Each structure stands twice: as structure tokens, then as C-alpha cells.
């Protein structure tokens, strides 16, 4: 299973997140950089199976990126074992 790691020590804004996602997930040119488009590409345009990990999330980032995390959780629930999503808080 391919593994994709998002390091939130290097992601501060939604723009940073989407730039990183385009690169790491090899998203198509038509990707719209919004929550609906994110869900669509996760469930229909990326290479599966894949394990996606969000590392080094601060509590503030957990709240700031909560909607994005929910999209990944929803996609993982729909795709079952084909997309595994995990996130980890930064150690104090």
C-alpha cells in the first residue's frame, strides 16, 4: 500500500495544504481546491490503495483544518480498506 504523509510543520494555511495535496496525491489539473473537489478526487481520481497520514498537527491546526480532516475521514469510510486515513497531534 502506498503511503502519503502530510507534515503539518510545513503546512500553515489552506493554500499550503492544497498545494501540498496536489503534489503528494498527484491530483489532476481540473482539481478545484475546495472541500467538494477534494472529496471527489479522493474517491475517484487518486491511485488506490493508499494510506494517508497527517503528522505534527497542533491543536490549533486540528481546529483550523477540521473540515479537511472530515473529508478524508468520510472518503476513508466510503472506500473502506482502499483508503486508510490517520492523523497525529504534535507531541508537546
Protein backbone atom coordinates (compact mmCIF):
# COMPACT_ATOMS: atom_id res chain seq x y z
CA UNK A 1 0.00 0.00 0.00
CA UNK A 2 1.36 3.40 -0.97
CA UNK A 3 1.80 5.86 1.89
CA UNK A 4 1.36 9.64 1.64
CA UNK A 5 2.46 11.83 4.54
CA UNK A 6 1.38 15.43 5.10
CA UNK A 7 3.74 17.11 7.59
CA UNK A 8 1.83 19.95 9.22
CA UNK A 9 5.06 21.51 10.46
CA UNK A 10 5.22 22.70 6.83
CA UNK A 11 1.52 23.47 6.28
CA UNK A 12 0.11 26.64 7.78
CA UNK A 13 -2.76 27.67 5.52
CA UNK A 14 -5.41 26.01 3.38
CA UNK A 15 -3.49 27.23 0.34
CA UNK A 16 -0.38 25.43 1.65
CA UNK A 17 -2.47 22.30 2.22
CA UNK A 18 -3.94 22.26 -1.28
CA UNK A 19 -0.55 22.90 -2.93
CA UNK A 20 0.88 20.01 -0.94
CA UNK A 21 -2.10 17.77 -1.75
CA UNK A 22 -1.78 18.42 -5.50
CA UNK A 23 1.86 17.39 -5.36
CA UNK A 24 1.69 14.42 -2.96
CA UNK A 25 -1.53 12.89 -4.27
CA UNK A 26 -0.74 13.68 -7.93
CA UNK A 27 -4.11 15.36 -8.38
CA UNK A 28 -5.46 16.14 -11.86
CA UNK A 29 -5.26 19.61 -13.41
CA UNK A 30 -9.01 20.11 -13.02
CA UNK A 31 -8.83 19.82 -9.21
CA UNK A 32 -10.81 22.74 -7.77
CA UNK A 33 -9.05 23.20 -4.40
CA UNK A 34 -12.17 23.10 -2.26
CA UNK A 35 -13.81 20.52 0.02
CA UNK A 36 -16.21 19.10 -2.59
CA UNK A 37 -13.42 18.74 -5.15
CA UNK A 38 -11.19 17.15 -2.51
CA UNK A 39 -13.80 14.52 -1.72
CA UNK A 40 -14.34 13.84 -5.43
CA UNK A 41 -10.65 13.26 -6.16
CA UNK A 42 -10.13 11.16 -3.03
CA UNK A 43 -12.98 8.86 -4.00
CA UNK A 44 -12.39 8.76 -7.74
CA UNK A 45 -9.13 10.17 -9.04
CA UNK A 46 -6.22 9.01 -6.89
CA UNK A 47 -4.29 5.78 -7.05
CA UNK A 48 -5.61 3.25 -4.57
CA UNK A 49 -4.92 1.61 -2.20
CA UNK A 50 -3.31 4.38 -0.18
CA UNK A 51 -2.59 5.22 3.45
CA UNK A 52 -2.68 8.96 4.14
CA UNK A 53 -1.22 10.35 7.33
CA UNK A 54 -1.37 13.86 8.73
CA UNK A 55 1.57 14.35 11.10
CA UNK A 56 2.50 17.07 13.58
CA UNK A 57 -0.90 18.72 13.85
CA UNK A 58 -1.11 21.34 16.58
CA UNK A 59 -4.39 21.76 18.45
CA UNK A 60 -4.95 24.99 16.52
CA UNK A 61 -4.39 23.21 13.21
CA UNK A 62 -6.71 20.41 14.28
CA UNK A 63 -9.46 23.01 14.55
CA UNK A 64 -8.36 25.04 11.50
CA UNK A 65 -8.21 22.00 9.22
CA UNK A 66 -11.17 20.19 10.82
CA UNK A 67 -13.31 20.31 7.67
CA UNK A 68 -10.47 18.88 5.58
CA UNK A 69 -9.90 16.11 8.13
CA UNK A 70 -13.63 15.30 7.98
CA UNK A 71 -13.45 14.98 4.18
CA UNK A 72 -10.58 12.49 4.50
CA UNK A 73 -12.47 10.54 7.18
CA UNK A 74 -15.61 10.43 5.03
CA UNK A 75 -13.66 9.27 1.97
CA UNK A 76 -11.90 6.59 4.03
CA UNK A 77 -15.27 5.37 5.35
CA UNK A 78 -16.66 5.13 1.83
CA UNK A 79 -13.63 3.39 0.35
CA UNK A 80 -13.07 1.14 3.37
CA UNK A 81 -9.65 -0.57 3.20
CA UNK A 82 -8.70 1.11 -0.07
CA UNK A 83 -8.05 4.46 1.65
CA UNK A 84 -6.72 4.48 5.19
CA UNK A 85 -6.57 7.88 6.89
CA UNK A 86 -4.83 8.68 10.17
CA UNK A 87 -3.83 11.91 11.88
CA UNK A 88 -1.49 12.57 14.75
CA UNK A 89 -1.06 15.56 17.03
CA UNK A 90 2.34 17.12 17.52
CA UNK A 91 4.00 15.92 20.69
CA UNK A 92 4.38 18.72 23.26
